[in-house]
Amino acid sequence: MLDILFRDEHLIAINKPHGLLVHRSSIAADAEEYALQLLRDQIGAKVNPVHRIDRKTAGVLLFAFTKEVEIAMQKQFMENAVGKKYLAIVRGYTPDAGEIDYPLRKENGTLQDAFTGYKTLKRAELDVPFGQHQTSRYSLVEVVPQTGRMHQIRKHMSHIFHPIIGDRTHGCNKQNKLFTEKWAMNTMLLHAAQLNFIHPVTAVAVQVVAPIQNEFKRVMQLMNW
């Protein structure tokens, strides 16, 4: 059963598990389950996602019951009018806070402005040798993307040399291998923790918060956070 975080007659939000696709995709032919179909089956009603989060990312995923509400919410996302907060566990000690202003290239080669803010919530040093270092250092960061580019947070954290643990595409292969071999952990440690928006029908401010999931919790316990 999917964890439903918010529901009214217009919108419904779930806490999407890590590894679950939003909907059927030709680039992930191996998948047999999709958040869209699971939710439709669970509530017995047709819904459509108003935004996307990566397959490997967990957290808040919002759906609309009607086409009109879907379009209205998509407009808010496109205009960057929706507030988003993510949690990520990354390699190394991140600065206390920072801003990443680094354009990202679309698949067709076009450069797009991309802006991400972050602040460090926790740091940990584990007695686990890594490369030339006698210990391994990690940070828990709260990330606030101001734009919505594909893989923006993943690319931006990698750009500042603090890649997200478990990110196979933009992360650190050696760190990912360490987590797989030492802790049997393959999950990408990125969680969509919160959405804030103005309801397109009632005009009321809505905040949807998603609790972190088990694999993310397990790594936080490893870090003594």
Protein backbone atom coordinates (compact mmCIF):
# COMPACT_ATOMS: atom_id res chain seq x y z
CA MET A 1 0.00 0.00 0.00
CA LEU A 2 1.24 3.45 -0.90
CA ASP A 3 1.48 5.94 1.97
CA ILE A 4 -1.02 8.75 1.28
CA LEU A 5 0.16 12.07 2.72
CA PHE A 6 -2.59 14.42 1.53
CA ARG A 7 -5.96 14.02 -0.15
CA ASP A 8 -8.95 16.14 -1.03
CA GLU A 9 -11.37 16.02 -3.96
CA HIS A 10 -8.82 17.67 -6.29
CA LEU A 11 -5.34 16.44 -5.32
CA ILE A 12 -3.66 13.46 -3.71
CA ALA A 13 -0.02 13.10 -2.61
CA ILE A 14 1.93 9.95 -1.75
CA ASN A 15 5.30 9.17 -0.21
CA LYS A 16 6.85 7.41 -3.21
CA PRO A 17 9.29 4.62 -2.29
CA HIS A 18 12.86 4.61 -3.60
CA GLY A 19 13.08 2.64 -6.86
CA LEU A 20 9.46 3.05 -7.95
CA LEU A 21 8.84 4.64 -11.35
CA VAL A 22 6.21 7.38 -11.55
CA HIS A 23 4.70 5.85 -14.71
CA ARG A 24 5.53 3.47 -17.53
CA SER A 25 8.64 4.44 -19.46
CA SER A 26 10.47 3.00 -22.46
CA ILE A 27 13.81 3.76 -20.77
CA ALA A 28 12.99 1.44 -17.86
CA ALA A 29 11.55 -1.63 -19.51
CA ASP A 30 12.50 -3.78 -16.51
CA ALA A 31 9.90 -2.17 -14.23
CA GLU A 32 6.70 -4.04 -13.45
CA GLU A 33 5.14 -1.58 -11.00
CA TYR A 34 4.46 2.14 -11.33
CA ALA A 35 3.28 4.69 -8.79
CA LEU A 36 0.51 5.87 -11.13
CA GLN A 37 -1.06 2.44 -11.58
CA LEU A 38 -0.56 1.39 -7.94
CA LEU A 39 -2.31 4.53 -6.72
CA ARG A 40 -5.18 4.18 -9.21
CA ASP A 41 -5.70 0.58 -8.09
CA GLN A 42 -5.45 1.49 -4.40
CA ILE A 43 -8.03 4.30 -4.42
CA GLY A 44 -10.16 3.07 -7.34
CA ALA A 45 -9.99 6.38 -9.19
CA LYS A 46 -8.12 7.86 -12.14
CA VAL A 47 -5.29 10.26 -11.27
CA ASN A 48 -2.43 11.86 -13.17
CA PRO A 49 0.94 13.04 -11.84
CA VAL A 50 1.47 16.80 -11.96
CA HIS A 51 5.26 16.55 -11.67
CA ARG A 52 8.04 13.94 -11.68
CA ILE A 53 10.69 12.72 -9.30
CA ASP A 54 13.44 10.29 -10.29
CA ARG A 55 12.84 6.57 -9.98
CA LYS A 56 15.56 6.31 -7.32
CA THR A 57 14.36 9.35 -5.38
CA ALA A 58 11.76 8.85 -2.65
CA GLY A 59 9.28 11.32 -1.21
CA VAL A 60 6.37 13.60 -2.04
CA LEU A 61 4.69 12.87 -5.36
CA LEU A 62 1.55 14.84 -6.22
CA PHE A 63 -1.34 13.72 -8.44
CA ALA A 64 -4.50 15.46 -9.68
CA PHE A 65 -7.95 13.95 -10.11
CA THR A 66 -8.94 16.16 -13.07
CA LYS A 67 -7.24 17.53 -16.16
CA GLU A 68 -8.00 21.12 -15.13
CA VAL A 69 -6.27 20.77 -11.76
CA GLU A 70 -3.40 18.85 -13.37
CA ILE A 71 -2.77 21.73 -15.81
CA ALA A 72 -3.07 24.37 -13.07
CA MET A 73 -0.54 22.58 -10.84
CA GLN A 74 1.85 21.93 -13.75
CA LYS A 75 1.75 25.67 -14.44
CA GLN A 76 2.83 26.35 -10.83
CA PHE A 77 5.72 23.90 -11.18
CA MET A 78 6.81 25.40 -14.52
CA GLU A 79 6.76 28.89 -13.01
CA ASN A 80 8.83 27.67 -10.02
CA ALA A 81 5.97 28.72 -7.73
CA VAL A 82 6.08 25.44 -5.77
CA GLY A 83 8.43 25.31 -2.78
CA LYS A 84 10.49 22.10 -2.63
CA LYS A 85 12.77 20.73 0.07
CA TYR A 86 14.89 17.61 -0.26
CA LEU A 87 17.16 15.71 2.08
CA ALA A 88 20.35 14.11 0.77
CA ILE A 89 23.28 12.20 2.26
CA VAL A 90 26.44 13.16 0.43
CA ARG A 91 30.17 12.45 0.41
CA GLY A 92 32.42 14.70 2.49
CA TYR A 93 31.82 17.65 4.77
CA THR A 94 29.67 20.23 3.00
CA PRO A 95 29.92 23.93 3.97
CA ASP A 96 27.36 25.15 6.52
CA ALA A 97 25.31 26.61 3.67
CA GLY A 98 25.78 27.38 0.01
CA GLU A 99 24.23 28.32 -3.30
CA ILE A 100 24.91 26.56 -6.58
CA ASP A 101 24.33 28.68 -9.68
CA TYR A 102 25.41 26.37 -12.49
CA PRO A 103 23.59 26.03 -15.85
CA LEU A 104 22.66 22.50 -16.93
CA ARG A 105 22.46 21.17 -20.46
CA LYS A 106 19.29 19.59 -21.83
CA GLU A 107 19.43 16.43 -23.94
CA ASN A 108 19.24 18.58 -27.09
CA GLY A 109 22.31 20.54 -25.94
CA THR A 110 20.51 23.70 -24.83
CA LEU A 111 21.86 25.29 -21.64
CA GLN A 112 19.31 26.15 -18.95
CA ASP A 113 19.79 28.27 -15.84
CA ALA A 114 19.77 26.12 -12.71
CA PHE A 115 19.92 27.33 -9.12
CA THR A 116 20.06 25.29 -5.90
CA GLY A 117 20.43 26.35 -2.29
CA TYR A 118 21.47 24.03 0.52
CA LYS A 119 22.37 23.93 4.20
CA THR A 120 24.17 21.28 6.21
CA LEU A 121 22.12 19.65 8.96
CA LYS A 122 24.55 16.98 10.23
CA ARG A 123 28.07 15.71 9.65
CA ALA A 124 29.61 12.33 10.46
CA GLU A 125 33.08 10.79 10.37
CA LEU A 126 33.14 6.98 10.30
CA ASP A 127 36.08 4.85 11.28
CA VAL A 128 36.11 3.32 7.80
CA PRO A 129 39.24 3.80 5.63
CA PHE A 130 38.54 5.17 2.16
CA GLY A 131 41.22 5.62 -0.50
CA GLN A 132 44.11 7.57 1.01
CA HIS A 133 42.03 8.59 4.04
CA GLN A 134 41.84 6.72 7.35
CA THR A 135 38.18 7.68 7.84
CA SER A 136 35.09 8.42 5.75
CA ARG A 137 33.17 11.69 6.02
CA TYR A 138 29.54 12.38 5.15
CA SER A 139 26.97 15.14 5.44
CA LEU A 140 23.19 15.33 5.67
CA VAL A 141 22.00 18.34 3.69
CA GLU A 142 18.68 20.06 3.18
CA VAL A 143 18.47 21.07 -0.47
CA VAL A 144 16.12 23.67 -1.94
CA PRO A 145 16.07 23.77 -5.76
CA GLN A 146 14.83 27.09 -7.15
CA THR A 147 14.53 25.69 -10.67
CA GLY A 148 13.35 22.28 -11.82
CA ARG A 149 15.90 20.84 -14.25
CA MET A 150 16.34 17.13 -14.87
CA HIS A 151 18.61 15.54 -12.22
CA GLN A 152 19.34 19.09 -10.99
CA ILE A 153 20.15 18.24 -7.36
CA ARG A 154 22.19 15.20 -8.35
CA LYS A 155 24.22 17.16 -10.91
CA HIS A 156 24.68 20.18 -8.67
CA MET A 157 25.89 18.21 -5.65
CA SER A 158 28.31 16.37 -7.90
CA HIS A 159 29.45 19.71 -9.36
CA ILE A 160 30.56 20.90 -5.89
CA PHE A 161 32.30 17.54 -5.27
CA HIS A 162 29.76 16.29 -2.71
CA PRO A 163 27.90 13.66 -4.76
CA ILE A 164 24.84 11.92 -3.37
CA ILE A 165 25.50 8.43 -2.01
CA GLY A 166 23.95 5.78 -4.25
CA ASP A 167 23.75 8.00 -7.35
CA ARG A 168 25.02 5.70 -10.11
CA THR A 169 24.92 8.29 -12.88
CA HIS A 170 26.35 11.43 -11.28
CA GLY A 171 27.84 10.07 -8.05
CA CYS A 172 31.08 8.51 -6.85
CA ASN A 173 31.44 4.91 -8.01
CA LYS A 174 33.97 4.11 -5.27
CA GLN A 175 31.67 5.38 -2.53
CA ASN A 176 28.71 3.53 -4.04
CA LYS A 177 30.78 0.34 -4.09
CA LEU A 178 31.77 0.86 -0.44
CA PHE A 179 28.13 1.22 0.62
CA THR A 180 27.11 -1.84 -1.41
CA GLU A 181 29.89 -4.08 -0.12
CA LYS A 182 30.05 -2.92 3.51
CA TRP A 183 26.40 -2.17 4.26
CA ALA A 184 24.46 -3.85 1.38
CA MET A 185 23.02 -0.44 0.56
CA ASN A 186 22.13 0.38 -3.06
CA THR A 187 19.53 3.09 -2.49
CA MET A 188 20.15 6.62 -3.78
CA LEU A 189 19.97 8.73 -0.64
CA LEU A 190 17.82 11.55 -1.96
CA HIS A 191 14.39 12.23 -0.44
CA ALA A 192 11.75 14.75 -1.55
CA ALA A 193 10.79 15.83 1.95
CA GLN A 194 8.35 18.69 1.42
CA LEU A 195 6.14 20.51 -1.10
CA ASN A 196 4.53 23.92 -0.51
CA PHE A 197 2.01 25.39 -2.94
CA ILE A 198 -1.19 27.38 -3.25
CA HIS A 199 -4.11 25.06 -3.89
CA PRO A 200 -5.29 25.74 -7.47
CA VAL A 201 -9.00 25.43 -6.53
CA THR A 202 -9.32 26.61 -2.92
CA ALA A 203 -6.41 29.12 -2.98
CA VAL A 204 -5.34 27.81 0.44
CA ALA A 205 -1.63 27.33 1.21
CA VAL A 206 -0.82 23.61 1.33
CA GLN A 207 2.24 21.95 2.85
CA VAL A 208 2.87 18.24 2.27
CA VAL A 209 5.62 16.54 4.29
CA ALA A 210 6.98 13.03 3.62
CA PRO A 211 8.77 11.06 6.36
CA ILE A 212 12.09 9.51 5.34
CA GLN A 213 11.98 5.84 4.41
CA ASN A 214 13.70 2.77 5.82
CA GLU A 215 16.95 2.70 3.82
CA PHE A 216 17.52 6.40 4.40
CA LYS A 217 16.79 5.85 8.12
CA ARG A 218 19.22 2.93 8.21
CA VAL A 219 22.09 5.06 6.88
CA MET A 220 21.23 7.86 9.31
CA GLN A 221 21.56 5.31 12.13
CA LEU A 222 24.93 4.19 10.73
CA MET A 223 26.02 7.83 10.95
CA ASN A 224 24.69 8.15 14.54
CA TRP A 225 22.33 10.93 13.46
